[in-house]
């Protein structure tokens, strides 16, 4: 199965359809009157569909097992056509499109099995996905693509040439994937004055985002939060909480991060962990959803 461990759980909804076509009105009448020899067609087919949704991952090799938190099945009869509509919901890391289509197909097959003794001309048509919702793809085209960012690495050892920066490069990669232009990339020591100068410079230049990596730990030289907080017009605690929560699902040490987020004028300021893994996971947890802040700060203009 493909790796989805980097994804965050979101509400996922999928609706699928299958159409069963019978060959005579008498079949429709038997369904409505519940006189089909094998029993109540709609009720039994619904039960089969519920089982089908739950068993999807058991039958399709690359399908992830997941908690199914809602399944709804509706029938609509028009002439000799019975349209089955299957809606599946979950809060998970991947979608439920396959579960919805599989469930709809099982409903249709069960109806076929129950009706074949009284109708030899039954056909199953149009098993398809009608809609899906959830995950980052929902927001792919909803964010501005004219945004700029500065990435500042706060590290005594890297600025002294004793280590090579990896966390800053990982942040840049994620920003570029989100169509954010990299305006500046700099490495500075863990000094409050240097950190504050970087914030004030980019706020004055109207850079959209300034992302710091490093200095959010507990050593005496970790001063990034102390440098940033006095400059912020408003903190945005939910951003830091989201990053820590995401990280905590992957390592118990995430709770030790002192990440900070807020705005200076119209510039979004983020302080992310200095470890490469911590920076990558923080970016995975926040982007692209965090870009919605610019619809609030600077309006909803799109390219």
Protein backbone atom coordinates (compact mmCIF):
# COMPACT_ATOMS: atom_id res chain seq x y z
CA UNK A 1 0.00 0.00 0.00
CA UNK A 2 1.12 3.56 -0.62
CA UNK A 3 2.50 5.53 2.33
CA UNK A 4 -0.10 7.84 3.89
CA UNK A 5 1.62 8.31 7.25
CA UNK A 6 2.51 11.92 6.36
CA UNK A 7 -1.12 12.86 5.74
CA UNK A 8 -3.43 14.45 8.30
CA UNK A 9 -6.90 13.10 8.97
CA UNK A 10 -9.74 15.17 7.53
CA UNK A 11 -13.44 14.63 6.91
CA UNK A 12 -13.78 12.51 3.77
CA UNK A 13 -17.08 12.05 1.93
CA UNK A 14 -17.76 10.10 -1.25
CA UNK A 15 -21.01 9.42 -3.09
CA UNK A 16 -21.31 6.68 -5.72
CA UNK A 17 -24.06 5.34 -7.92
CA UNK A 18 -25.15 2.07 -9.49
CA UNK A 19 -28.21 1.48 -11.68
CA UNK A 20 -30.16 -1.78 -11.82
CA UNK A 21 -32.45 -2.13 -14.85
CA UNK A 22 -35.21 -4.75 -14.75
CA UNK A 23 -37.07 -6.00 -17.79
CA UNK A 24 -40.69 -5.74 -16.69
CA UNK A 25 -43.01 -3.72 -14.47
CA UNK A 26 -44.00 -6.83 -12.55
CA UNK A 27 -40.50 -6.92 -11.05
CA UNK A 28 -40.83 -3.36 -9.77
CA UNK A 29 -44.26 -4.20 -8.33
CA UNK A 30 -42.86 -7.26 -6.53
CA UNK A 31 -40.07 -5.14 -5.00
CA UNK A 32 -42.50 -2.46 -3.81
CA UNK A 33 -45.03 -5.02 -2.51
CA UNK A 34 -42.27 -7.09 -0.86
CA UNK A 35 -43.42 -10.25 -2.61
CA UNK A 36 -40.04 -11.27 -4.05
CA UNK A 37 -39.50 -14.92 -2.96
CA UNK A 38 -36.04 -14.24 -1.50
CA UNK A 39 -37.33 -11.44 0.76
CA UNK A 40 -37.32 -7.66 1.10
CA UNK A 41 -35.02 -6.61 -1.75
CA UNK A 42 -34.25 -3.10 -0.55
CA UNK A 43 -33.64 -4.05 3.08
CA UNK A 44 -31.46 -7.06 2.31
CA UNK A 45 -29.51 -5.23 -0.38
CA UNK A 46 -28.86 -2.37 2.02
CA UNK A 47 -27.44 -4.84 4.55
CA UNK A 48 -25.25 -6.36 1.82
CA UNK A 49 -24.05 -2.88 0.84
CA UNK A 50 -23.08 -2.04 4.41
CA UNK A 51 -21.02 -5.21 4.60
CA UNK A 52 -19.51 -4.43 1.21
CA UNK A 53 -18.28 -1.03 2.36
CA UNK A 54 -16.69 -2.52 5.47
CA UNK A 55 -15.01 -5.33 3.52
CA UNK A 56 -13.52 -3.19 0.76
CA UNK A 57 -9.99 -3.30 2.14
CA UNK A 58 -10.19 -7.08 2.52
CA UNK A 59 -10.78 -7.51 -1.21
CA UNK A 60 -8.69 -4.79 -2.86
CA UNK A 61 -4.96 -5.30 -2.17
CA UNK A 62 -3.86 -1.65 -2.22
CA UNK A 63 -6.86 -0.28 -0.29
CA UNK A 64 -6.18 0.95 3.24
CA UNK A 65 -8.35 -0.35 6.10
CA UNK A 66 -10.11 2.58 7.70
CA UNK A 67 -12.88 3.46 10.17
CA UNK A 68 -16.20 3.88 8.37
CA UNK A 69 -18.21 6.42 10.33
CA UNK A 70 -21.30 6.73 8.14
CA UNK A 71 -22.89 4.84 5.26
CA UNK A 72 -26.12 5.97 3.67
CA UNK A 73 -27.99 4.10 0.94
CA UNK A 74 -30.88 5.52 -1.05
CA UNK A 75 -33.04 4.04 -3.82
CA UNK A 76 -34.89 5.85 -6.57
CA UNK A 77 -37.20 4.10 -9.04
CA UNK A 78 -37.93 5.62 -12.44
CA UNK A 79 -39.72 3.31 -14.83
CA UNK A 80 -37.72 0.09 -14.93
CA UNK A 81 -34.55 1.67 -13.55
CA UNK A 82 -33.54 1.53 -9.88
CA UNK A 83 -30.82 4.04 -9.03
CA UNK A 84 -28.73 3.21 -5.97
CA UNK A 85 -26.95 6.11 -4.28
CA UNK A 86 -24.28 5.26 -1.72
CA UNK A 87 -22.67 7.88 0.54
CA UNK A 88 -19.74 7.03 2.80
CA UNK A 89 -18.04 9.25 5.39
CA UNK A 90 -14.95 8.96 7.53
CA UNK A 91 -12.41 11.13 9.28
CA UNK A 92 -9.15 9.66 8.07
CA UNK A 93 -6.00 10.22 6.01
CA UNK A 94 -7.33 8.92 2.70
CA UNK A 95 -10.60 9.02 0.81
CA UNK A 96 -13.57 6.65 0.64
CA UNK A 97 -14.32 6.74 -3.10
CA UNK A 98 -13.55 3.05 -3.58
CA UNK A 99 -15.60 2.10 -0.54
CA UNK A 100 -18.60 3.99 -1.90
CA UNK A 101 -18.31 2.44 -5.37
CA UNK A 102 -17.74 -1.03 -3.94
CA UNK A 103 -20.75 -0.67 -1.65
CA UNK A 104 -22.97 0.51 -4.52
CA UNK A 105 -21.85 -2.43 -6.68
CA UNK A 106 -22.59 -4.92 -3.89
CA UNK A 107 -26.07 -3.47 -3.44
CA UNK A 108 -26.65 -3.89 -7.17
CA UNK A 109 -25.30 -7.44 -7.22
CA UNK A 110 -27.46 -8.44 -4.27
CA UNK A 111 -30.52 -7.02 -6.00
CA UNK A 112 -29.59 -8.98 -9.12
CA UNK A 113 -29.25 -12.17 -7.07
CA UNK A 114 -32.59 -11.70 -5.35
CA UNK A 115 -34.49 -10.77 -8.51
CA UNK A 116 -33.07 -13.24 -11.03
CA UNK A 117 -35.61 -16.00 -10.16
CA UNK A 118 -38.46 -13.72 -11.29
CA UNK A 119 -36.70 -11.69 -14.00
CA UNK A 120 -34.09 -13.08 -16.40
CA UNK A 121 -33.44 -9.76 -18.11
CA UNK A 122 -31.88 -7.75 -15.29
CA UNK A 123 -28.80 -5.61 -16.06
CA UNK A 124 -26.45 -3.56 -13.90
CA UNK A 125 -25.44 -0.19 -15.37
CA UNK A 126 -23.35 2.86 -14.54
CA UNK A 127 -21.35 2.13 -11.43
CA UNK A 128 -19.55 5.43 -10.95
CA UNK A 129 -18.33 8.03 -8.49
CA UNK A 130 -20.64 11.04 -8.28
CA UNK A 131 -18.68 13.23 -5.90
CA UNK A 132 -15.93 13.26 -3.31
CA UNK A 133 -14.81 15.71 -0.66
CA UNK A 134 -11.93 15.97 1.75
CA UNK A 135 -8.16 16.12 1.78
CA UNK A 136 -5.77 18.65 0.27
CA UNK A 137 -7.08 18.19 -3.26
CA UNK A 138 -10.25 20.02 -2.21
CA UNK A 139 -8.23 23.17 -1.72
CA UNK A 140 -5.77 22.86 -4.58
CA UNK A 141 -7.11 25.85 -6.52
CA UNK A 142 -8.39 27.92 -3.60
CA UNK A 143 -5.21 29.69 -2.54
CA UNK A 144 -3.39 32.66 -3.98
CA UNK A 145 -0.38 31.89 -6.12
CA UNK A 146 1.33 35.26 -5.89
CA UNK A 147 2.77 34.76 -2.39
CA UNK A 148 6.40 35.27 -1.33
CA UNK A 149 8.37 33.79 1.54
CA UNK A 150 11.69 34.14 3.33
CA UNK A 151 13.26 31.10 5.00
CA UNK A 152 15.62 31.90 7.86
CA UNK A 153 17.73 29.18 9.49
CA UNK A 154 18.59 29.97 13.12
CA UNK A 155 21.65 27.95 14.09
CA UNK A 156 25.01 28.79 15.65
CA UNK A 157 26.63 25.65 14.21
CA UNK A 158 25.28 26.03 10.67
CA UNK A 159 26.10 29.75 10.51
CA UNK A 160 29.64 28.87 11.64
CA UNK A 161 29.95 26.31 8.83
CA UNK A 162 30.13 23.34 11.19
CA UNK A 163 26.94 21.73 9.88
CA UNK A 164 24.94 21.73 6.66
CA UNK A 165 21.38 23.04 6.59
CA UNK A 166 18.74 20.47 5.70
CA UNK A 167 15.67 21.75 7.52
CA UNK A 168 15.61 25.07 5.65
CA UNK A 169 15.93 23.27 2.33
CA UNK A 170 13.03 20.98 3.28
CA UNK A 171 10.88 24.02 4.07
CA UNK A 172 11.77 25.61 0.74
CA UNK A 173 10.80 22.45 -1.11
CA UNK A 174 7.37 22.39 0.54
CA UNK A 175 6.81 26.08 -0.14
CA UNK A 176 7.63 25.60 -3.81
CA UNK A 177 5.17 22.71 -3.97
CA UNK A 178 2.55 25.17 -2.70
CA UNK A 179 3.46 27.69 -5.45
CA UNK A 180 5.10 30.12 -3.01
CA UNK A 181 8.02 32.14 -4.38
CA UNK A 182 11.20 32.03 -2.28
CA UNK A 183 12.25 35.66 -1.86
CA UNK A 184 15.10 35.09 0.60
CA UNK A 185 17.04 32.25 2.21
CA UNK A 186 19.46 33.09 5.01
CA UNK A 187 21.37 31.42 7.82
CA UNK A 188 21.88 33.39 11.03
CA UNK A 189 23.17 32.59 14.53
CA UNK A 190 20.85 32.10 17.50
CA UNK A 191 20.83 35.76 18.43
CA UNK A 192 17.68 37.66 19.38
CA UNK A 193 18.82 40.81 17.61
CA UNK A 194 19.53 39.00 14.32
CA UNK A 195 16.18 37.20 14.44
CA UNK A 196 14.27 40.41 15.09
CA UNK A 197 16.11 42.24 12.32
CA UNK A 198 15.00 39.56 9.85
CA UNK A 199 11.35 39.92 10.89
CA UNK A 200 11.36 43.73 10.70
CA UNK A 201 13.16 43.70 7.34
CA UNK A 202 10.68 41.38 5.68
CA UNK A 203 7.64 42.99 7.29
CA UNK A 204 8.82 46.33 5.88
CA UNK A 205 9.35 44.72 2.47
CA UNK A 206 5.85 43.20 2.66
CA UNK A 207 7.14 39.65 2.30
CA UNK A 208 4.08 37.44 2.80
CA UNK A 209 5.72 34.84 5.03
CA UNK A 210 8.85 34.56 7.13
CA UNK A 211 9.59 31.02 8.25
CA UNK A 212 12.26 30.43 10.87
CA UNK A 213 13.66 26.97 11.53
CA UNK A 214 15.62 26.31 14.67
CA UNK A 215 15.79 27.80 18.14
CA UNK A 216 12.44 26.42 19.34
CA UNK A 217 13.88 23.88 21.77
CA UNK A 218 14.86 24.15 25.42
CA UNK A 219 18.58 24.87 25.38
CA UNK A 220 19.88 28.25 26.55
CA UNK A 221 20.66 29.26 22.97
CA UNK A 222 17.13 28.46 21.73
CA UNK A 223 15.74 31.99 21.69
CA UNK A 224 13.59 32.17 18.53
CA UNK A 225 10.24 32.36 20.39
CA UNK A 226 11.60 35.00 22.77
CA UNK A 227 12.79 37.05 19.81
CA UNK A 228 9.54 36.81 17.86
CA UNK A 229 6.79 37.20 20.44
CA UNK A 230 7.44 40.88 21.29
CA UNK A 231 7.23 41.77 17.59
CA UNK A 232 3.99 39.98 16.75
CA UNK A 233 0.81 42.03 16.46
CA UNK A 234 -1.21 38.86 17.05
CA UNK A 235 -0.28 35.31 17.81
CA UNK A 236 -2.12 32.47 16.06
CA UNK A 237 -1.89 29.63 18.61
CA UNK A 238 -3.93 27.20 16.52
CA UNK A 239 -1.12 26.97 13.96
CA UNK A 240 1.42 25.87 16.55
CA UNK A 241 -1.10 23.53 18.15
CA UNK A 242 -1.80 21.89 14.79
CA UNK A 243 1.89 21.32 14.11
CA UNK A 244 2.53 19.90 17.58
CA UNK A 245 -0.54 17.64 17.41
CA UNK A 246 0.56 16.28 14.04
CA UNK A 247 4.06 15.69 15.34
CA UNK A 248 2.83 14.09 18.56
CA UNK A 249 1.15 11.36 16.52
CA UNK A 250 4.61 10.51 15.17
CA UNK A 251 6.95 11.10 18.12
CA UNK A 252 6.32 11.79 21.83
CA UNK A 253 8.99 14.51 21.75
CA UNK A 254 6.86 16.88 19.66
CA UNK A 255 5.31 18.23 22.86
CA UNK A 256 8.67 19.82 23.69
CA UNK A 257 8.60 22.13 20.69
CA UNK A 258 8.06 25.82 21.39
CA UNK A 259 6.91 26.68 17.89
CA UNK A 260 5.31 30.10 17.50
CA UNK A 261 3.03 31.61 14.86
CA UNK A 262 1.57 35.06 14.36
CA UNK A 263 1.42 38.13 12.18
CA UNK A 264 3.55 41.26 12.01
CA UNK A 265 1.69 43.87 9.99
CA UNK A 266 0.56 41.71 7.04
CA UNK A 267 3.42 39.24 7.22
CA UNK A 268 2.85 35.74 8.57
CA UNK A 269 5.69 34.70 10.90
CA UNK A 270 6.33 31.05 11.76
CA UNK A 271 8.95 29.50 14.03
CA UNK A 272 9.39 25.80 13.20
CA UNK A 273 11.62 23.11 14.70
CA UNK A 274 15.26 22.97 13.65
CA UNK A 275 15.43 19.24 13.03
CA UNK A 276 14.87 18.20 9.43
CA UNK A 277 12.14 15.74 10.39
CA UNK A 278 10.45 18.26 12.66
CA UNK A 279 10.50 20.92 9.95
CA UNK A 280 9.17 18.50 7.31
CA UNK A 281 6.35 17.27 9.55
CA UNK A 282 5.40 20.80 10.56
CA UNK A 283 5.18 21.82 6.90
CA UNK A 284 3.13 18.73 6.06
CA UNK A 285 0.70 19.56 8.86
CA UNK A 286 0.26 23.23 7.90
CA UNK A 287 0.46 23.52 4.13
CA UNK A 288 -1.41 24.36 2.01
CA UNK A 289 -4.26 25.03 4.48
CA UNK A 290 -2.32 27.78 6.27
CA UNK A 291 -2.37 29.84 3.06
CA UNK A 292 -6.01 30.62 3.80
CA UNK A 293 -4.70 33.27 6.18
CA UNK A 294 -3.95 35.48 3.17
CA UNK A 295 -7.59 35.47 2.09
CA UNK A 296 -8.21 37.15 5.45
CA UNK A 297 -5.15 39.39 5.66
CA UNK A 298 -5.00 40.54 2.05
CA UNK A 299 -8.22 39.59 0.36
CA UNK A 300 -9.31 36.67 -1.78
CA UNK A 301 -7.58 37.59 -5.05
CA UNK A 302 -6.59 34.60 -7.19
CA UNK A 303 -4.30 34.25 -10.17
